[in-house]
Amino acid sequence: MSTDDFFRARLDQMIDLCHPLAVLATRMPWDEIEKALAPALAHKDRAGRQVEGADLFGPTLQVAGSGVSNRGRPSGT
């Protein structure tokens, strides 16, 4: 590597581009693979369902499966 800092080095400097897996990766039809997998990996909007739960304040209705924020924590709804 030309640099001592591991995180500043370029990926092509870290790996051997003559390695069989690196050569195989350059020959793969990535565009066709992405087109074939796109429908299976597309975002599906899933509606939540209401479930009854009991907490400190008595029975309440909550929506299960929706209301999750980008950070993975339940939102305040």
Protein backbone atom coordinates (compact mmCIF):
# COMPACT_ATOMS: atom_id res chain seq x y z
CA MET A 1 0.00 0.00 0.00
CA SER A 2 1.20 3.47 -0.73
CA THR A 3 -0.35 4.95 2.41
CA ASP A 4 0.04 3.91 6.03
CA ASP A 5 -3.55 4.81 6.91
CA PHE A 6 -5.79 1.80 6.21
CA PHE A 7 -8.95 3.89 5.92
CA ARG A 8 -7.48 6.35 3.40
CA ALA A 9 -6.18 3.69 1.01
CA ARG A 10 -8.13 2.97 -2.16
CA LEU A 11 -9.86 -0.40 -2.45
CA ASP A 12 -7.95 -1.32 -5.61
CA GLN A 13 -4.72 -0.84 -3.64
CA MET A 14 -5.91 -3.18 -0.88
CA ILE A 15 -6.95 -6.15 -3.00
CA ASP A 16 -5.16 -8.18 -5.64
CA LEU A 17 -7.02 -7.49 -8.90
CA CYS A 18 -5.49 -10.67 -10.37
CA HIS A 19 -7.19 -12.83 -7.73
CA PRO A 20 -9.70 -15.22 -9.35
CA LEU A 21 -12.67 -13.74 -7.44
CA ALA A 22 -11.72 -10.20 -8.45
CA VAL A 23 -11.44 -11.30 -12.08
CA LEU A 24 -14.80 -13.08 -11.85
CA ALA A 25 -16.41 -9.95 -10.41
CA THR A 26 -15.31 -7.94 -13.43
CA ARG A 27 -16.86 -10.50 -15.78
CA MET A 28 -20.25 -10.76 -14.06
CA PRO A 29 -23.28 -9.25 -15.89
CA TRP A 30 -24.17 -6.93 -12.98
CA ASP A 31 -26.75 -4.90 -14.95
CA GLU A 32 -28.70 -8.04 -15.85
CA ILE A 33 -28.48 -9.34 -12.28
CA GLU A 34 -29.80 -6.04 -10.88
CA LYS A 35 -32.69 -6.00 -13.39
CA ALA A 36 -33.62 -9.60 -12.51
CA LEU A 37 -33.55 -8.98 -8.75
CA ALA A 38 -35.14 -5.52 -8.71
CA PRO A 39 -38.78 -6.73 -8.44
CA ALA A 40 -37.96 -9.05 -5.55
CA LEU A 41 -36.03 -6.37 -3.66
CA ALA A 42 -38.43 -3.49 -4.34
CA HIS A 43 -39.92 -1.70 -1.33
CA LYS A 44 -43.34 -3.08 -0.42
CA ASP A 45 -45.63 -0.82 1.57
CA ARG A 46 -47.07 -2.94 4.37
CA ALA A 47 -50.01 -1.55 6.27
CA GLY A 48 -50.02 -2.03 10.01
CA ARG A 49 -52.75 -3.86 11.89
CA GLN A 50 -54.33 -2.79 15.14
CA VAL A 51 -53.66 -4.86 18.23
CA GLU A 52 -54.94 -4.33 21.72
CA GLY A 53 -52.39 -3.99 24.44
CA ALA A 54 -52.61 -3.30 28.15
CA ASP A 55 -50.17 -0.92 29.73
CA LEU A 56 -49.97 1.16 32.89
CA PHE A 57 -52.95 3.26 31.77
CA GLY A 58 -55.24 0.38 30.78
CA PRO A 59 -56.10 -1.21 27.44
CA THR A 60 -55.06 0.77 24.39
CA LEU A 61 -55.14 0.21 20.64
CA GLN A 62 -51.80 0.29 18.90
CA VAL A 63 -50.83 -0.13 15.28
CA ALA A 64 -48.41 -3.03 14.88
CA GLY A 65 -46.01 -3.13 11.98
CA SER A 66 -46.13 0.52 11.01
CA GLY A 67 -44.90 3.70 12.60
CA VAL A 68 -41.26 2.66 12.64
CA SER A 69 -38.90 5.57 12.14
CA ASN A 70 -35.78 5.54 9.99
CA ARG A 71 -33.69 4.78 13.06
CA GLY A 72 -35.72 1.64 13.77
CA ARG A 73 -37.40 3.05 16.85
CA PRO A 74 -41.19 3.26 17.10
CA SER A 75 -42.52 6.70 16.34
CA GLY A 76 -44.80 8.54 18.73
CA THR A 77 -48.02 7.74 16.83
